[in-house]
Amino acid sequence: MENNSILAKVDYIMQAVLKKDDSSECLQNLRSLSKEHTDDMVLGRVFGWSISDYAIAALNGLTLI
């Protein structure tokens, strides 16, 4: 990942799911993003969800395919 902004991370996760990218590199990136959790209700969240929530959902979806 080149950009470290919150929106870039969510975009990366969404693109991985849309492309059904289950390569080892992508799964490793998603695992590292799954540790980025925030309890702040505004900062660090997109549509109310933390980066870790998106990453965990993506990992769950990609590994069940």
PDB file of N, CA and C in Angstrom:
ATOM      1  N   MET A   1       0.832  -1.180   0.000  1.00  0.00           N
ATOM      2  CA  MET A   1       0.000   0.000   0.000  1.00  0.00           C
ATOM      3  C   MET A   1       0.870   1.235   0.000  1.00  0.00           C
ATOM      4  N   GLU A   2       0.567   2.131  -0.880  1.00  0.00           N
ATOM      5  CA  GLU A   2       1.373   3.341  -0.994  1.00  0.00           C
ATOM      6  C   GLU A   2       0.903   4.447  -0.057  1.00  0.00           C
ATOM      7  N   ASN A   3      -0.396   4.653   0.035  1.00  0.00           N
ATOM      8  CA  ASN A   3      -0.947   5.739   0.821  1.00  0.00           C
ATOM      9  C   ASN A   3      -1.444   5.198   2.155  1.00  0.00           C
ATOM     10  N   ASN A   4      -1.181   5.915   3.222  1.00  0.00           N
ATOM     11  CA  ASN A   4      -1.575   5.447   4.540  1.00  0.00           C
ATOM     12  C   ASN A   4      -2.791   6.165   5.098  1.00  0.00           C
ATOM     13  N   SER A   5      -3.560   6.878   4.273  1.00  0.00           N
ATOM     14  CA  SER A   5      -4.756   7.541   4.777  1.00  0.00           C
ATOM     15  C   SER A   5      -5.854   6.513   5.025  1.00  0.00           C
ATOM     16  N   ILE A   6      -6.800   6.879   5.833  1.00  0.00           N
ATOM     17  CA  ILE A   6      -7.893   5.967   6.171  1.00  0.00           C
ATOM     18  C   ILE A   6      -8.668   5.565   4.931  1.00  0.00           C
ATOM     19  N   LEU A   7      -8.982   6.530   4.088  1.00  0.00           N
ATOM     20  CA  LEU A   7      -9.745   6.214   2.878  1.00  0.00           C
ATOM     21  C   LEU A   7      -8.964   5.325   1.918  1.00  0.00           C
ATOM     22  N   ALA A   8      -7.658   5.500   1.844  1.00  0.00           N
ATOM     23  CA  ALA A   8      -6.832   4.642   0.988  1.00  0.00           C
ATOM     24  C   ALA A   8      -6.839   3.213   1.502  1.00  0.00           C
ATOM     25  N   LYS A   9      -6.818   3.055   2.819  1.00  0.00           N
ATOM     26  CA  LYS A   9      -6.847   1.710   3.400  1.00  0.00           C
ATOM     27  C   LYS A   9      -8.176   1.021   3.133  1.00  0.00           C
ATOM     28  N   VAL A  10      -9.275   1.748   3.313  1.00  0.00           N
ATOM     29  CA  VAL A  10     -10.597   1.176   3.041  1.00  0.00           C
ATOM     30  C   VAL A  10     -10.729   0.858   1.557  1.00  0.00           C
ATOM     31  N   ASP A  11     -10.229   1.741   0.697  1.00  0.00           N
ATOM     32  CA  ASP A  11     -10.270   1.479  -0.740  1.00  0.00           C
ATOM     33  C   ASP A  11      -9.486   0.220  -1.086  1.00  0.00           C
ATOM     34  N   TYR A  12      -8.323   0.049  -0.488  1.00  0.00           N
ATOM     35  CA  TYR A  12      -7.513  -1.149  -0.723  1.00  0.00           C
ATOM     36  C   TYR A  12      -8.290  -2.405  -0.324  1.00  0.00           C
ATOM     37  N   ILE A  13      -8.923  -2.351   0.829  1.00  0.00           N
ATOM     38  CA  ILE A  13      -9.679  -3.496   1.316  1.00  0.00           C
ATOM     39  C   ILE A  13     -10.842  -3.803   0.378  1.00  0.00           C
ATOM     40  N   MET A  14     -11.571  -2.776  -0.021  1.00  0.00           N
ATOM     41  CA  MET A  14     -12.725  -2.982  -0.909  1.00  0.00           C
ATOM     42  C   MET A  14     -12.286  -3.517  -2.272  1.00  0.00           C
ATOM     43  N   GLN A  15     -11.195  -3.002  -2.796  1.00  0.00           N
ATOM     44  CA  GLN A  15     -10.700  -3.487  -4.091  1.00  0.00           C
ATOM     45  C   GLN A  15     -10.255  -4.951  -3.992  1.00  0.00           C
ATOM     46  N   ALA A  16      -9.658  -5.316  -2.878  1.00  0.00           N
ATOM     47  CA  ALA A  16      -9.238  -6.709  -2.686  1.00  0.00           C
ATOM     48  C   ALA A  16     -10.443  -7.635  -2.698  1.00  0.00           C
ATOM     49  N   VAL A  17     -11.525  -7.207  -2.057  1.00  0.00           N
ATOM     50  CA  VAL A  17     -12.734  -8.033  -2.023  1.00  0.00           C
ATOM     51  C   VAL A  17     -13.385  -8.096  -3.402  1.00  0.00           C
ATOM     52  N   LEU A  18     -13.487  -6.955  -4.058  1.00  0.00           N
ATOM     53  CA  LEU A  18     -14.113  -6.937  -5.386  1.00  0.00           C
ATOM     54  C   LEU A  18     -13.348  -7.780  -6.401  1.00  0.00           C
ATOM     55  N   LYS A  19     -12.017  -7.765  -6.301  1.00  0.00           N
ATOM     56  CA  LYS A  19     -11.179  -8.544  -7.221  1.00  0.00           C
ATOM     57  C   LYS A  19     -11.001  -9.984  -6.752  1.00  0.00           C
ATOM     58  N   LYS A  20     -11.505 -10.284  -5.539  1.00  0.00           N
ATOM     59  CA  LYS A  20     -11.346 -11.611  -4.928  1.00  0.00           C
ATOM     60  C   LYS A  20      -9.870 -12.018  -4.882  1.00  0.00           C
ATOM     61  N   ASP A  21      -9.055 -11.041  -4.469  1.00  0.00           N
ATOM     62  CA  ASP A  21      -7.605 -11.235  -4.397  1.00  0.00           C
ATOM     63  C   ASP A  21      -7.248 -12.005  -3.125  1.00  0.00           C
ATOM     64  N   ASP A  22      -6.941 -13.276  -3.270  1.00  0.00           N
ATOM     65  CA  ASP A  22      -6.559 -14.072  -2.109  1.00  0.00           C
ATOM     66  C   ASP A  22      -5.086 -14.471  -2.152  1.00  0.00           C
ATOM     67  N   SER A  23      -4.286 -13.611  -2.765  1.00  0.00           N
ATOM     68  CA  SER A  23      -2.843 -13.860  -2.806  1.00  0.00           C
ATOM     69  C   SER A  23      -2.270 -13.717  -1.402  1.00  0.00           C
ATOM     70  N   SER A  24      -1.129 -14.324  -1.176  1.00  0.00           N
ATOM     71  CA  SER A  24      -0.521 -14.277   0.161  1.00  0.00           C
ATOM     72  C   SER A  24      -0.157 -12.854   0.562  1.00  0.00           C
ATOM     73  N   GLU A  25       0.272 -12.040  -0.397  1.00  0.00           N
ATOM     74  CA  GLU A  25       0.623 -10.641  -0.098  1.00  0.00           C
ATOM     75  C   GLU A  25      -0.614  -9.863   0.352  1.00  0.00           C
ATOM     76  N   CYS A  26      -1.709 -10.040  -0.361  1.00  0.00           N
ATOM     77  CA  CYS A  26      -2.942  -9.337  -0.016  1.00  0.00           C
ATOM     78  C   CYS A  26      -3.462  -9.783   1.347  1.00  0.00           C
ATOM     79  N   LEU A  27      -3.457 -11.087   1.590  1.00  0.00           N
ATOM     80  CA  LEU A  27      -3.926 -11.590   2.880  1.00  0.00           C
ATOM     81  C   LEU A  27      -3.055 -11.087   4.023  1.00  0.00           C
ATOM     82  N   GLN A  28      -1.755 -10.980   3.791  1.00  0.00           N
ATOM     83  CA  GLN A  28      -0.859 -10.446   4.821  1.00  0.00           C
ATOM     84  C   GLN A  28      -1.158  -8.966   5.083  1.00  0.00           C
ATOM     85  N   ASN A  29      -1.401  -8.194   4.021  1.00  0.00           N
ATOM     86  CA  ASN A  29      -1.762  -6.783   4.196  1.00  0.00           C
ATOM     87  C   ASN A  29      -3.064  -6.652   4.979  1.00  0.00           C
ATOM     88  N   LEU A  30      -4.040  -7.500   4.671  1.00  0.00           N
ATOM     89  CA  LEU A  30      -5.314  -7.454   5.384  1.00  0.00           C
ATOM     90  C   LEU A  30      -5.139  -7.843   6.846  1.00  0.00           C
ATOM     91  N   ARG A  31      -4.271  -8.816   7.113  1.00  0.00           N
ATOM     92  CA  ARG A  31      -4.001  -9.200   8.507  1.00  0.00           C
ATOM     93  C   ARG A  31      -3.389  -8.035   9.283  1.00  0.00           C
ATOM     94  N   SER A  32      -2.485  -7.307   8.647  1.00  0.00           N
ATOM     95  CA  SER A  32      -1.872  -6.169   9.347  1.00  0.00           C
ATOM     96  C   SER A  32      -2.894  -5.051   9.557  1.00  0.00           C
ATOM     97  N   LEU A  33      -3.792  -4.856   8.596  1.00  0.00           N
ATOM     98  CA  LEU A  33      -4.828  -3.835   8.748  1.00  0.00           C
ATOM     99  C   LEU A  33      -5.863  -4.235   9.801  1.00  0.00           C
ATOM    100  N   SER A  34      -6.014  -5.517  10.048  1.00  0.00           N
ATOM    101  CA  SER A  34      -7.000  -5.969  11.032  1.00  0.00           C
ATOM    102  C   SER A  34      -6.617  -5.563  12.451  1.00  0.00           C
ATOM    103  N   LYS A  35      -5.404  -5.126  12.658  1.00  0.00           N
ATOM    104  CA  LYS A  35      -4.950  -4.683  13.976  1.00  0.00           C
ATOM    105  C   LYS A  35      -5.168  -3.187  14.198  1.00  0.00           C
ATOM    106  N   GLU A  36      -5.633  -2.484  13.175  1.00  0.00           N
ATOM    107  CA  GLU A  36      -5.828  -1.031  13.276  1.00  0.00           C
ATOM    108  C   GLU A  36      -7.246  -0.725  13.732  1.00  0.00           C
ATOM    109  N   HIS A  37      -7.454  -0.792  15.034  1.00  0.00           N
ATOM    110  CA  HIS A  37      -8.778  -0.547  15.600  1.00  0.00           C
ATOM    111  C   HIS A  37      -8.770   0.744  16.401  1.00  0.00           C
ATOM    112  N   THR A  38      -9.886   1.444  16.384  1.00  0.00           N
ATOM    113  CA  THR A  38     -10.039   2.636  17.200  1.00  0.00           C
ATOM    114  C   THR A  38     -11.390   2.591  17.886  1.00  0.00           C
ATOM    115  N   ASP A  39     -11.437   3.087  19.108  1.00  0.00           N
ATOM    116  CA  ASP A  39     -12.703   3.175  19.832  1.00  0.00           C
ATOM    117  C   ASP A  39     -13.302   4.571  19.737  1.00  0.00           C
ATOM    118  N   ASP A  40     -12.580   5.510  19.114  1.00  0.00           N
ATOM    119  CA  ASP A  40     -13.086   6.863  18.920  1.00  0.00           C
ATOM    120  C   ASP A  40     -14.267   6.815  17.962  1.00  0.00           C
ATOM    121  N   MET A  41     -15.358   7.443  18.309  1.00  0.00           N
ATOM    122  CA  MET A  41     -16.573   7.367  17.498  1.00  0.00           C
ATOM    123  C   MET A  41     -16.482   8.141  16.186  1.00  0.00           C
ATOM    124  N   VAL A  42     -15.527   9.045  16.050  1.00  0.00           N
ATOM    125  CA  VAL A  42     -15.423   9.846  14.832  1.00  0.00           C
ATOM    126  C   VAL A  42     -14.086   9.627  14.138  1.00  0.00           C
ATOM    127  N   LEU A  43     -12.998   9.878  14.838  1.00  0.00           N
ATOM    128  CA  LEU A  43     -11.677   9.778  14.239  1.00  0.00           C
ATOM    129  C   LEU A  43     -11.293   8.327  13.986  1.00  0.00           C
ATOM    130  N   GLY A  44     -10.762   8.065  12.820  1.00  0.00           N
ATOM    131  CA  GLY A  44     -10.292   6.724  12.501  1.00  0.00           C
ATOM    132  C   GLY A  44     -11.369   5.776  12.040  1.00  0.00           C
ATOM    133  N   ARG A  45     -12.535   6.305  11.690  1.00  0.00           N
ATOM    134  CA  ARG A  45     -13.635   5.452  11.250  1.00  0.00           C
ATOM    135  C   ARG A  45     -14.203   5.954   9.927  1.00  0.00           C
ATOM    136  N   VAL A  46     -14.711   5.024   9.126  1.00  0.00           N
ATOM    137  CA  VAL A  46     -15.367   5.345   7.866  1.00  0.00           C
ATOM    138  C   VAL A  46     -16.760   4.733   7.936  1.00  0.00           C
ATOM    139  N   PHE A  47     -17.782   5.564   7.825  1.00  0.00           N
ATOM    140  CA  PHE A  47     -19.172   5.126   7.958  1.00  0.00           C
ATOM    141  C   PHE A  47     -19.412   4.403   9.278  1.00  0.00           C
ATOM    142  N   GLY A  48     -18.695   4.816  10.332  1.00  0.00           N
ATOM    143  CA  GLY A  48     -18.886   4.251  11.656  1.00  0.00           C
ATOM    144  C   GLY A  48     -18.096   2.987  11.941  1.00  0.00           C
ATOM    145  N   TRP A  49     -17.331   2.505  10.976  1.00  0.00           N
ATOM    146  CA  TRP A  49     -16.579   1.273  11.148  1.00  0.00           C
ATOM    147  C   TRP A  49     -15.083   1.553  11.148  1.00  0.00           C
ATOM    148  N   SER A  50     -14.364   0.856  11.989  1.00  0.00           N
ATOM    149  CA  SER A  50     -12.919   0.979  12.078  1.00  0.00           C
ATOM    150  C   SER A  50     -12.256   0.217  10.933  1.00  0.00           C
ATOM    151  N   ILE A  51     -11.020   0.557  10.616  1.00  0.00           N
ATOM    152  CA  ILE A  51     -10.259  -0.139   9.574  1.00  0.00           C
ATOM    153  C   ILE A  51     -10.197  -1.632   9.878  1.00  0.00           C
ATOM    154  N   SER A  52     -10.022  -1.961  11.144  1.00  0.00           N
ATOM    155  CA  SER A  52      -9.925  -3.379  11.513  1.00  0.00           C
ATOM    156  C   SER A  52     -11.220  -4.122  11.206  1.00  0.00           C
ATOM    157  N   ASP A  53     -12.367  -3.456  11.361  1.00  0.00           N
ATOM    158  CA  ASP A  53     -13.644  -4.101  11.054  1.00  0.00           C
ATOM    159  C   ASP A  53     -13.737  -4.459   9.573  1.00  0.00           C
ATOM    160  N   TYR A  54     -13.328  -3.537   8.722  1.00  0.00           N
ATOM    161  CA  TYR A  54     -13.333  -3.802   7.279  1.00  0.00           C
ATOM    162  C   TYR A  54     -12.370  -4.939   6.925  1.00  0.00           C
ATOM    163  N   ALA A  55     -11.191  -4.906   7.513  1.00  0.00           N
ATOM    164  CA  ALA A  55     -10.173  -5.913   7.198  1.00  0.00           C
ATOM    165  C   ALA A  55     -10.604  -7.301   7.654  1.00  0.00           C
ATOM    166  N   ILE A  56     -11.191  -7.395   8.836  1.00  0.00           N
ATOM    167  CA  ILE A  56     -11.646  -8.693   9.341  1.00  0.00           C
ATOM    168  C   ILE A  56     -12.778  -9.232   8.462  1.00  0.00           C
ATOM    169  N   ALA A  57     -13.696  -8.375   8.066  1.00  0.00           N
ATOM    170  CA  ALA A  57     -14.778  -8.809   7.181  1.00  0.00           C
ATOM    171  C   ALA A  57     -14.226  -9.274   5.835  1.00  0.00           C
ATOM    172  N   ALA A  58     -13.242  -8.569   5.321  1.00  0.00           N
ATOM    173  CA  ALA A  58     -12.630  -8.957   4.035  1.00  0.00           C
ATOM    174  C   ALA A  58     -11.908 -10.288   4.165  1.00  0.00           C
ATOM    175  N   LEU A  59     -11.156 -10.475   5.233  1.00  0.00           N
ATOM    176  CA  LEU A  59     -10.471 -11.753   5.445  1.00  0.00           C
ATOM    177  C   LEU A  59     -11.472 -12.899   5.547  1.00  0.00           C
ATOM    178  N   ASN A  60     -12.557 -12.651   6.239  1.00  0.00           N
ATOM    179  CA  ASN A  60     -13.579 -13.674   6.389  1.00  0.00           C
ATOM    180  C   ASN A  60     -14.186 -14.019   5.033  1.00  0.00           C
ATOM    181  N   GLY A  61     -14.496 -13.022   4.246  1.00  0.00           N
ATOM    182  CA  GLY A  61     -15.081 -13.261   2.935  1.00  0.00           C
ATOM    183  C   GLY A  61     -14.119 -13.913   1.950  1.00  0.00           C
ATOM    184  N   LEU A  62     -12.860 -13.493   1.948  1.00  0.00           N
ATOM    185  CA  LEU A  62     -11.900 -14.037   1.010  1.00  0.00           C
ATOM    186  C   LEU A  62     -11.487 -15.461   1.343  1.00  0.00           C
ATOM    187  N   THR A  63     -11.448 -15.807   2.595  1.00  0.00           N
ATOM    188  CA  THR A  63     -11.032 -17.152   2.962  1.00  0.00           C
ATOM    189  C   THR A  63     -12.166 -18.159   2.858  1.00  0.00           C
ATOM    190  N   LEU A  64     -13.393 -17.697   2.708  1.00  0.00           N
ATOM    191  CA  LEU A  64     -14.535 -18.609   2.550  1.00  0.00           C
ATOM    192  C   LEU A  64     -14.834 -18.917   1.091  1.00  0.00           C
ATOM    193  N   ILE A  65     -14.197 -18.195   0.181  1.00  0.00           N
ATOM    194  CA  ILE A  65     -14.464 -18.381  -1.254  1.00  0.00           C
ATOM    195  C   ILE A  65     -13.934 -19.706  -1.716  1.00  0.00           C
TER     196      ILE A  65
END
